[in-house]
C-alpha atoms as a PDB file:
ATOM      1  CA  UNK A   1     238.468 -60.964 145.853  1.00  0.00           C
ATOM      2  CA  UNK A   2     235.284 -60.291 143.871  1.00  0.00           C
ATOM      3  CA  UNK A   3     233.002 -63.313 143.725  1.00  0.00           C
ATOM      4  CA  UNK A   4     230.034 -63.857 141.438  1.00  0.00           C
ATOM      5  CA  UNK A   5     227.272 -66.446 141.480  1.00  0.00           C
ATOM      6  CA  UNK A   6     224.495 -67.270 139.052  1.00  0.00           C
ATOM      7  CA  UNK A   7     221.409 -68.130 141.034  1.00  0.00           C
ATOM      8  CA  UNK A   8     217.709 -68.570 140.330  1.00  0.00           C
ATOM      9  CA  UNK A   9     215.272 -67.102 142.838  1.00  0.00           C
ATOM     10  CA  UNK A  10     211.513 -67.398 142.352  1.00  0.00           C
ATOM     11  CA  UNK A  11     212.213 -68.669 138.854  1.00  0.00           C
ATOM     12  CA  UNK A  12     214.212 -65.545 137.927  1.00  0.00           C
ATOM     13  CA  UNK A  13     217.862 -65.882 136.804  1.00  0.00           C
ATOM     14  CA  UNK A  14     220.100 -63.497 138.754  1.00  0.00           C
ATOM     15  CA  UNK A  15     223.771 -62.720 139.106  1.00  0.00           C
ATOM     16  CA  UNK A  16     225.021 -61.961 142.615  1.00  0.00           C
ATOM     17  CA  UNK A  17     228.298 -60.068 142.991  1.00  0.00           C
ATOM     18  CA  UNK A  18     230.051 -59.962 146.364  1.00  0.00           C
ATOM     19  CA  UNK A  19     232.974 -57.650 147.150  1.00  0.00           C
ATOM     20  CA  UNK A  20     234.322 -58.521 150.626  1.00  0.00           C
ATOM     21  CA  UNK A  21     235.190 -55.722 153.018  1.00  0.00           C
ATOM     22  CA  UNK A  22     234.613 -54.833 156.634  1.00  0.00           C
ATOM     23  CA  UNK A  23     231.666 -55.612 158.903  1.00  0.00           C
ATOM     24  CA  UNK A  24     229.226 -53.099 157.421  1.00  0.00           C
ATOM     25  CA  UNK A  25     227.370 -54.373 154.367  1.00  0.00           C
ATOM     26  CA  UNK A  26     225.960 -52.445 151.402  1.00  0.00           C
ATOM     27  CA  UNK A  27     223.179 -54.412 149.736  1.00  0.00           C
ATOM     28  CA  UNK A  28     221.344 -53.825 146.450  1.00  0.00           C
ATOM     29  CA  UNK A  29     218.746 -56.534 145.943  1.00  0.00           C
ATOM     30  CA  UNK A  30     217.204 -54.994 142.826  1.00  0.00           C
ATOM     31  CA  UNK A  31     220.185 -53.638 140.920  1.00  0.00           C
ATOM     32  CA  UNK A  32     218.526 -54.033 137.512  1.00  0.00           C
ATOM     33  CA  UNK A  33     215.096 -52.755 138.578  1.00  0.00           C
ATOM     34  CA  UNK A  34     215.994 -49.740 140.679  1.00  0.00           C
ATOM     35  CA  UNK A  35     218.468 -47.654 138.698  1.00  0.00           C
ATOM     36  CA  UNK A  36     221.467 -46.305 140.563  1.00  0.00           C
ATOM     37  CA  UNK A  37     221.183 -48.577 143.595  1.00  0.00           C
ATOM     38  CA  UNK A  38     223.845 -51.033 142.395  1.00  0.00           C
ATOM     39  CA  UNK A  39     226.152 -48.164 141.506  1.00  0.00           C
ATOM     40  CA  UNK A  40     225.526 -46.454 144.840  1.00  0.00           C
ATOM     41  CA  UNK A  41     226.250 -49.636 146.787  1.00  0.00           C
ATOM     42  CA  UNK A  42     229.515 -50.074 144.910  1.00  0.00           C
ATOM     43  CA  UNK A  43     230.660 -46.462 145.319  1.00  0.00           C
ATOM     44  CA  UNK A  44     229.901 -46.265 149.035  1.00  0.00           C
ATOM     45  CA  UNK A  45     231.359 -49.684 149.804  1.00  0.00           C
ATOM     46  CA  UNK A  46     234.604 -48.889 147.985  1.00  0.00           C
ATOM     47  CA  UNK A  47     235.005 -45.568 149.748  1.00  0.00           C
ATOM     48  CA  UNK A  48     234.306 -47.086 153.175  1.00  0.00           C
ATOM     49  CA  UNK A  49     236.012 -50.432 152.560  1.00  0.00           C
ATOM     50  CA  UNK A  50     232.667 -52.034 153.383  1.00  0.00           C
ATOM     51  CA  UNK A  51     231.310 -55.305 152.038  1.00  0.00           C
ATOM     52  CA  UNK A  52     228.888 -55.099 149.127  1.00  0.00           C
ATOM     53  CA  UNK A  53     226.447 -57.559 147.597  1.00  0.00           C
ATOM     54  CA  UNK A  54     224.558 -56.628 144.430  1.00  0.00           C
ATOM     55  CA  UNK A  55     221.938 -58.642 142.542  1.00  0.00           C
ATOM     56  CA  UNK A  56     221.337 -57.950 138.852  1.00  0.00           C
ATOM     57  CA  UNK A  57     219.466 -59.501 135.934  1.00  0.00           C
ATOM     58  CA  UNK A  58     221.905 -59.055 133.019  1.00  0.00           C
ATOM     59  CA  UNK A  59     220.259 -58.973 129.621  1.00  0.00           C
ATOM     60  CA  UNK A  60     216.706 -58.888 130.994  1.00  0.00           C
ATOM     61  CA  UNK A  61     214.564 -56.558 128.877  1.00  0.00           C
ATOM     62  CA  UNK A  62     212.024 -56.280 131.676  1.00  0.00           C
ATOM     63  CA  UNK A  63     213.684 -57.107 134.990  1.00  0.00           C
ATOM     64  CA  UNK A  64     211.411 -58.846 137.479  1.00  0.00           C
ATOM     65  CA  UNK A  65     210.934 -57.242 140.888  1.00  0.00           C
ATOM     66  CA  UNK A  66     211.213 -59.967 143.524  1.00  0.00           C
ATOM     67  CA  UNK A  67     209.918 -58.892 146.954  1.00  0.00           C
ATOM     68  CA  UNK A  68     212.796 -58.478 149.371  1.00  0.00           C
ATOM     69  CA  UNK A  69     211.750 -61.227 151.831  1.00  0.00           C
ATOM     70  CA  UNK A  70     211.765 -63.734 148.967  1.00  0.00           C
ATOM     71  CA  UNK A  71     215.341 -62.746 148.126  1.00  0.00           C
ATOM     72  CA  UNK A  72     216.504 -64.419 151.340  1.00  0.00           C
ATOM     73  CA  UNK A  73     217.042 -67.679 149.456  1.00  0.00           C
ATOM     74  CA  UNK A  74     218.895 -70.313 151.460  1.00  0.00           C
ATOM     75  CA  UNK A  75     220.480 -71.711 148.302  1.00  0.00           C
ATOM     76  CA  UNK A  76     222.257 -68.423 147.457  1.00  0.00           C
ATOM     77  CA  UNK A  77     225.816 -69.057 148.644  1.00  0.00           C
ATOM     78  CA  UNK A  78     226.962 -65.440 148.328  1.00  0.00           C
ATOM     79  CA  UNK A  79     224.036 -64.158 150.375  1.00  0.00           C
ATOM     80  CA  UNK A  80     225.029 -66.611 153.114  1.00  0.00           C
ATOM     81  CA  UNK A  81     228.624 -65.361 152.916  1.00  0.00           C
ATOM     82  CA  UNK A  82     227.428 -61.765 153.112  1.00  0.00           C
ATOM     83  CA  UNK A  83     225.234 -62.418 156.155  1.00  0.00           C
ATOM     84  CA  UNK A  84     228.031 -64.308 157.897  1.00  0.00           C
ATOM     85  CA  UNK A  85     230.563 -61.553 157.202  1.00  0.00           C
ATOM     86  CA  UNK A  86     228.712 -58.373 158.148  1.00  0.00           C
ATOM     87  CA  UNK A  87     227.091 -57.291 161.390  1.00  0.00           C
ATOM     88  CA  UNK A  88     224.926 -54.446 160.046  1.00  0.00           C
ATOM     89  CA  UNK A  89     223.400 -53.909 156.605  1.00  0.00           C
ATOM     90  CA  UNK A  90     222.507 -50.785 154.649  1.00  0.00           C
ATOM     91  CA  UNK A  91     220.113 -51.973 151.956  1.00  0.00           C
ATOM     92  CA  UNK A  92     219.585 -49.586 149.042  1.00  0.00           C
ATOM     93  CA  UNK A  93     216.287 -49.483 147.164  1.00  0.00           C
ATOM     94  CA  UNK A  94     214.516 -47.158 144.775  1.00  0.00           C
ATOM     95  CA  UNK A  95     210.953 -45.880 145.050  1.00  0.00           C
ATOM     96  CA  UNK A  96     208.785 -44.053 142.546  1.00  0.00           C
ATOM     97  CA  UNK A  97     206.154 -42.561 144.842  1.00  0.00           C
ATOM     98  CA  UNK A  98     204.756 -39.584 142.877  1.00  0.00           C
ATOM     99  CA  UNK A  99     203.651 -37.870 146.078  1.00  0.00           C
ATOM    100  CA  UNK A 100     207.186 -38.014 147.501  1.00  0.00           C
ATOM    101  CA  UNK A 101     209.594 -37.260 144.625  1.00  0.00           C
ATOM    102  CA  UNK A 102     212.306 -35.898 146.929  1.00  0.00           C
ATOM    103  CA  UNK A 103     211.741 -38.031 150.033  1.00  0.00           C
ATOM    104  CA  UNK A 104     214.201 -40.627 151.314  1.00  0.00           C
ATOM    105  CA  UNK A 105     212.543 -43.178 153.587  1.00  0.00           C
ATOM    106  CA  UNK A 106     214.732 -44.947 156.136  1.00  0.00           C
ATOM    107  CA  UNK A 107     213.208 -48.226 157.286  1.00  0.00           C
ATOM    108  CA  UNK A 108     214.668 -51.449 158.625  1.00  0.00           C
ATOM    109  CA  UNK A 109     214.871 -52.651 162.209  1.00  0.00           C
ATOM    110  CA  UNK A 110     217.984 -50.834 163.393  1.00  0.00           C
ATOM    111  CA  UNK A 111     216.479 -47.463 164.215  1.00  0.00           C
ATOM    112  CA  UNK A 112     219.628 -46.087 165.853  1.00  0.00           C
ATOM    113  CA  UNK A 113     221.559 -46.716 162.654  1.00  0.00           C
ATOM    114  CA  UNK A 114     218.758 -45.090 160.640  1.00  0.00           C
ATOM    115  CA  UNK A 115     219.165 -41.903 162.691  1.00  0.00           C
ATOM    116  CA  UNK A 116     222.910 -41.875 162.047  1.00  0.00           C
ATOM    117  CA  UNK A 117     222.361 -42.060 158.292  1.00  0.00           C
ATOM    118  CA  UNK A 118     219.630 -39.434 158.525  1.00  0.00           C
ATOM    119  CA  UNK A 119     221.973 -36.960 160.218  1.00  0.00           C
ATOM    120  CA  UNK A 120     224.498 -37.235 157.396  1.00  0.00           C
ATOM    121  CA  UNK A 121     221.822 -37.044 154.697  1.00  0.00           C
ATOM    122  CA  UNK A 122     220.346 -33.924 156.302  1.00  0.00           C
ATOM    123  CA  UNK A 123     223.784 -32.308 156.418  1.00  0.00           C
ATOM    124  CA  UNK A 124     225.232 -33.310 153.037  1.00  0.00           C
ATOM    125  CA  UNK A 125     222.170 -33.817 150.829  1.00  0.00           C
ATOM    126  CA  UNK A 126     219.761 -31.137 152.119  1.00  0.00           C
ATOM    127  CA  UNK A 127     217.664 -30.994 148.936  1.00  0.00           C
ATOM    128  CA  UNK A 128     216.066 -34.281 149.982  1.00  0.00           C
ATOM    129  CA  UNK A 129     213.545 -34.814 152.765  1.00  0.00           C
ATOM    130  CA  UNK A 130     214.672 -37.650 155.027  1.00  0.00           C
ATOM    131  CA  UNK A 131     211.940 -39.584 156.844  1.00  0.00           C
ATOM    132  CA  UNK A 132     212.837 -41.815 159.809  1.00  0.00           C
ATOM    133  CA  UNK A 133     209.476 -41.944 161.599  1.00  0.00           C
ATOM    134  CA  UNK A 134     208.144 -45.362 160.589  1.00  0.00           C
ATOM    135  CA  UNK A 135     204.578 -44.113 160.929  1.00  0.00           C
ATOM    136  CA  UNK A 136     205.308 -41.713 158.047  1.00  0.00           C
ATOM    137  CA  UNK A 137     207.076 -44.294 155.889  1.00  0.00           C
ATOM    138  CA  UNK A 138     204.714 -46.010 153.403  1.00  0.00           C
ATOM    139  CA  UNK A 139     203.945 -49.513 154.635  1.00  0.00           C
ATOM    140  CA  UNK A 140     205.510 -51.170 151.599  1.00  0.00           C
ATOM    141  CA  UNK A 141     208.808 -49.347 152.141  1.00  0.00           C
ATOM    142  CA  UNK A 142     209.378 -49.960 155.857  1.00  0.00           C
ATOM    143  CA  UNK A 143     211.580 -53.026 155.462  1.00  0.00           C
ATOM    144  CA  UNK A 144     210.511 -54.639 158.733  1.00  0.00           C
ATOM    145  CA  UNK A 145     209.726 -58.163 157.527  1.00  0.00           C
ATOM    146  CA  UNK A 146     211.862 -60.643 159.505  1.00  0.00           C
ATOM    147  CA  UNK A 147     212.909 -62.420 156.292  1.00  0.00           C
ATOM    148  CA  UNK A 148     213.999 -59.228 154.583  1.00  0.00           C
ATOM    149  CA  UNK A 149     217.790 -59.622 154.211  1.00  0.00           C
ATOM    150  CA  UNK A 150     218.331 -56.175 155.734  1.00  0.00           C
ATOM    151  CA  UNK A 151     217.191 -57.599 159.072  1.00  0.00           C
ATOM    152  CA  UNK A 152     219.090 -60.899 158.984  1.00  0.00           C
ATOM    153  CA  UNK A 153     222.487 -59.714 160.199  1.00  0.00           C
ATOM    154  CA  UNK A 154     223.375 -59.602 163.902  1.00  0.00           C
ATOM    155  CA  UNK A 155     222.529 -55.907 164.316  1.00  0.00           C
ATOM    156  CA  UNK A 156     219.853 -55.779 161.631  1.00  0.00           C
ATOM    157  CA  UNK A 157     220.091 -52.780 159.371  1.00  0.00           C
ATOM    158  CA  UNK A 158     218.599 -49.819 157.545  1.00  0.00           C
ATOM    159  CA  UNK A 159     216.501 -50.001 154.396  1.00  0.00           C
ATOM    160  CA  UNK A 160     217.162 -46.815 152.416  1.00  0.00           C
ATOM    161  CA  UNK A 161     214.420 -46.055 149.886  1.00  0.00           C
ATOM    162  CA  UNK A 162     215.635 -43.443 147.417  1.00  0.00           C
ATOM    163  CA  UNK A 163     213.565 -41.466 144.901  1.00  0.00           C
ATOM    164  CA  UNK A 164     214.869 -41.279 141.348  1.00  0.00           C
ATOM    165  CA  UNK A 165     216.720 -37.930 141.736  1.00  0.00           C
ATOM    166  CA  UNK A 166     218.637 -39.332 144.739  1.00  0.00           C
ATOM    167  CA  UNK A 167     220.021 -42.320 142.824  1.00  0.00           C
ATOM    168  CA  UNK A 168     220.409 -41.183 139.211  1.00  0.00           C
ATOM    169  CA  UNK A 169     221.768 -38.143 137.368  1.00  0.00           C
ATOM    170  CA  UNK A 170     219.817 -37.163 134.275  1.00  0.00           C
ATOM    171  CA  UNK A 171     219.317 -40.292 132.190  1.00  0.00           C
ATOM    172  CA  UNK A 172     222.314 -42.131 133.689  1.00  0.00           C
ATOM    173  CA  UNK A 173     222.373 -44.511 136.638  1.00  0.00           C
ATOM    174  CA  UNK A 174     225.059 -42.348 138.241  1.00  0.00           C
ATOM    175  CA  UNK A 175     224.143 -41.382 141.818  1.00  0.00           C
ATOM    176  CA  UNK A 176     224.431 -37.685 142.690  1.00  0.00           C
ATOM    177  CA  UNK A 177     227.626 -36.881 144.563  1.00  0.00           C
ATOM    178  CA  UNK A 178     225.939 -35.370 147.669  1.00  0.00           C
ATOM    179  CA  UNK A 179     224.046 -38.627 148.266  1.00  0.00           C
ATOM    180  CA  UNK A 180     227.208 -40.690 147.802  1.00  0.00           C
ATOM    181  CA  UNK A 181     229.057 -38.414 150.232  1.00  0.00           C
ATOM    182  CA  UNK A 182     226.263 -38.513 152.810  1.00  0.00           C
ATOM    183  CA  UNK A 183     225.814 -42.275 152.780  1.00  0.00           C
ATOM    184  CA  UNK A 184     229.575 -42.801 152.906  1.00  0.00           C
ATOM    185  CA  UNK A 185     229.852 -40.494 155.910  1.00  0.00           C
ATOM    186  CA  UNK A 186     227.038 -42.392 157.613  1.00  0.00           C
ATOM    187  CA  UNK A 187     228.550 -45.801 156.872  1.00  0.00           C
ATOM    188  CA  UNK A 188     231.914 -44.674 158.235  1.00  0.00           C
ATOM    189  CA  UNK A 189     230.182 -43.651 161.456  1.00  0.00           C
ATOM    190  CA  UNK A 190     228.314 -46.950 161.625  1.00  0.00           C
ATOM    191  CA  UNK A 191     231.612 -48.815 161.311  1.00  0.00           C
ATOM    192  CA  UNK A 192     232.551 -47.461 164.739  1.00  0.00           C
ATOM    193  CA  UNK A 193     231.325 -49.772 167.557  1.00  0.00           C
ATOM    194  CA  UNK A 194     229.400 -47.159 169.621  1.00  0.00           C
ATOM    195  CA  UNK A 195     227.141 -46.340 166.632  1.00  0.00           C
ATOM    196  CA  UNK A 196     226.219 -49.946 165.889  1.00  0.00           C
ATOM    197  CA  UNK A 197     225.585 -51.235 169.373  1.00  0.00           C
ATOM    198  CA  UNK A 198     221.830 -50.571 169.648  1.00  0.00           C
ATOM    199  CA  UNK A 199     219.134 -52.389 167.719  1.00  0.00           C
ATOM    200  CA  UNK A 200     215.520 -51.463 168.387  1.00  0.00           C
ATOM    201  CA  UNK A 201     213.091 -53.735 166.527  1.00  0.00           C
ATOM    202  CA  UNK A 202     209.703 -52.268 165.587  1.00  0.00           C
END
């Protein structure tokens, strides 16, 4: 059953939408700011029967970007439900780094899971450069803060930072099919216990 919640975080009105599924969670914290991330979370979660949680700012002419650690608001009931339900999170974000227009940066504290996603992205979305070495990931995109929701589930998770061409098609917030296919393949692998058993904090 789809659940929605109106919640205010850092003074910003948001709508959280939770679609329950299995123990892998797809998260889009900035669905109105980072085009295509909400759509990508929904598409991958539906294909993999995963759980998804998306935050949006409906009607906002200039959506406010709230830093991810501040999104871990204790008063958000659906975030609590999400964190209780899933064991590992794949958190989807968008970056606009002009020096890396085709680079996907995989941060977050579960480095084993990041490598699983990277393998599928390399195979199914080869036009993009996938970076898993945290030393090569820009500091602001590493997703290692302990209060970042991607790290609050039992096995932590992977913060996937996607450039615009990896999350939109033309002028539409429709993710390109190779990226959808690659992330879905990775999430299906992560749903298998051997792939989710190792967390290596950095």
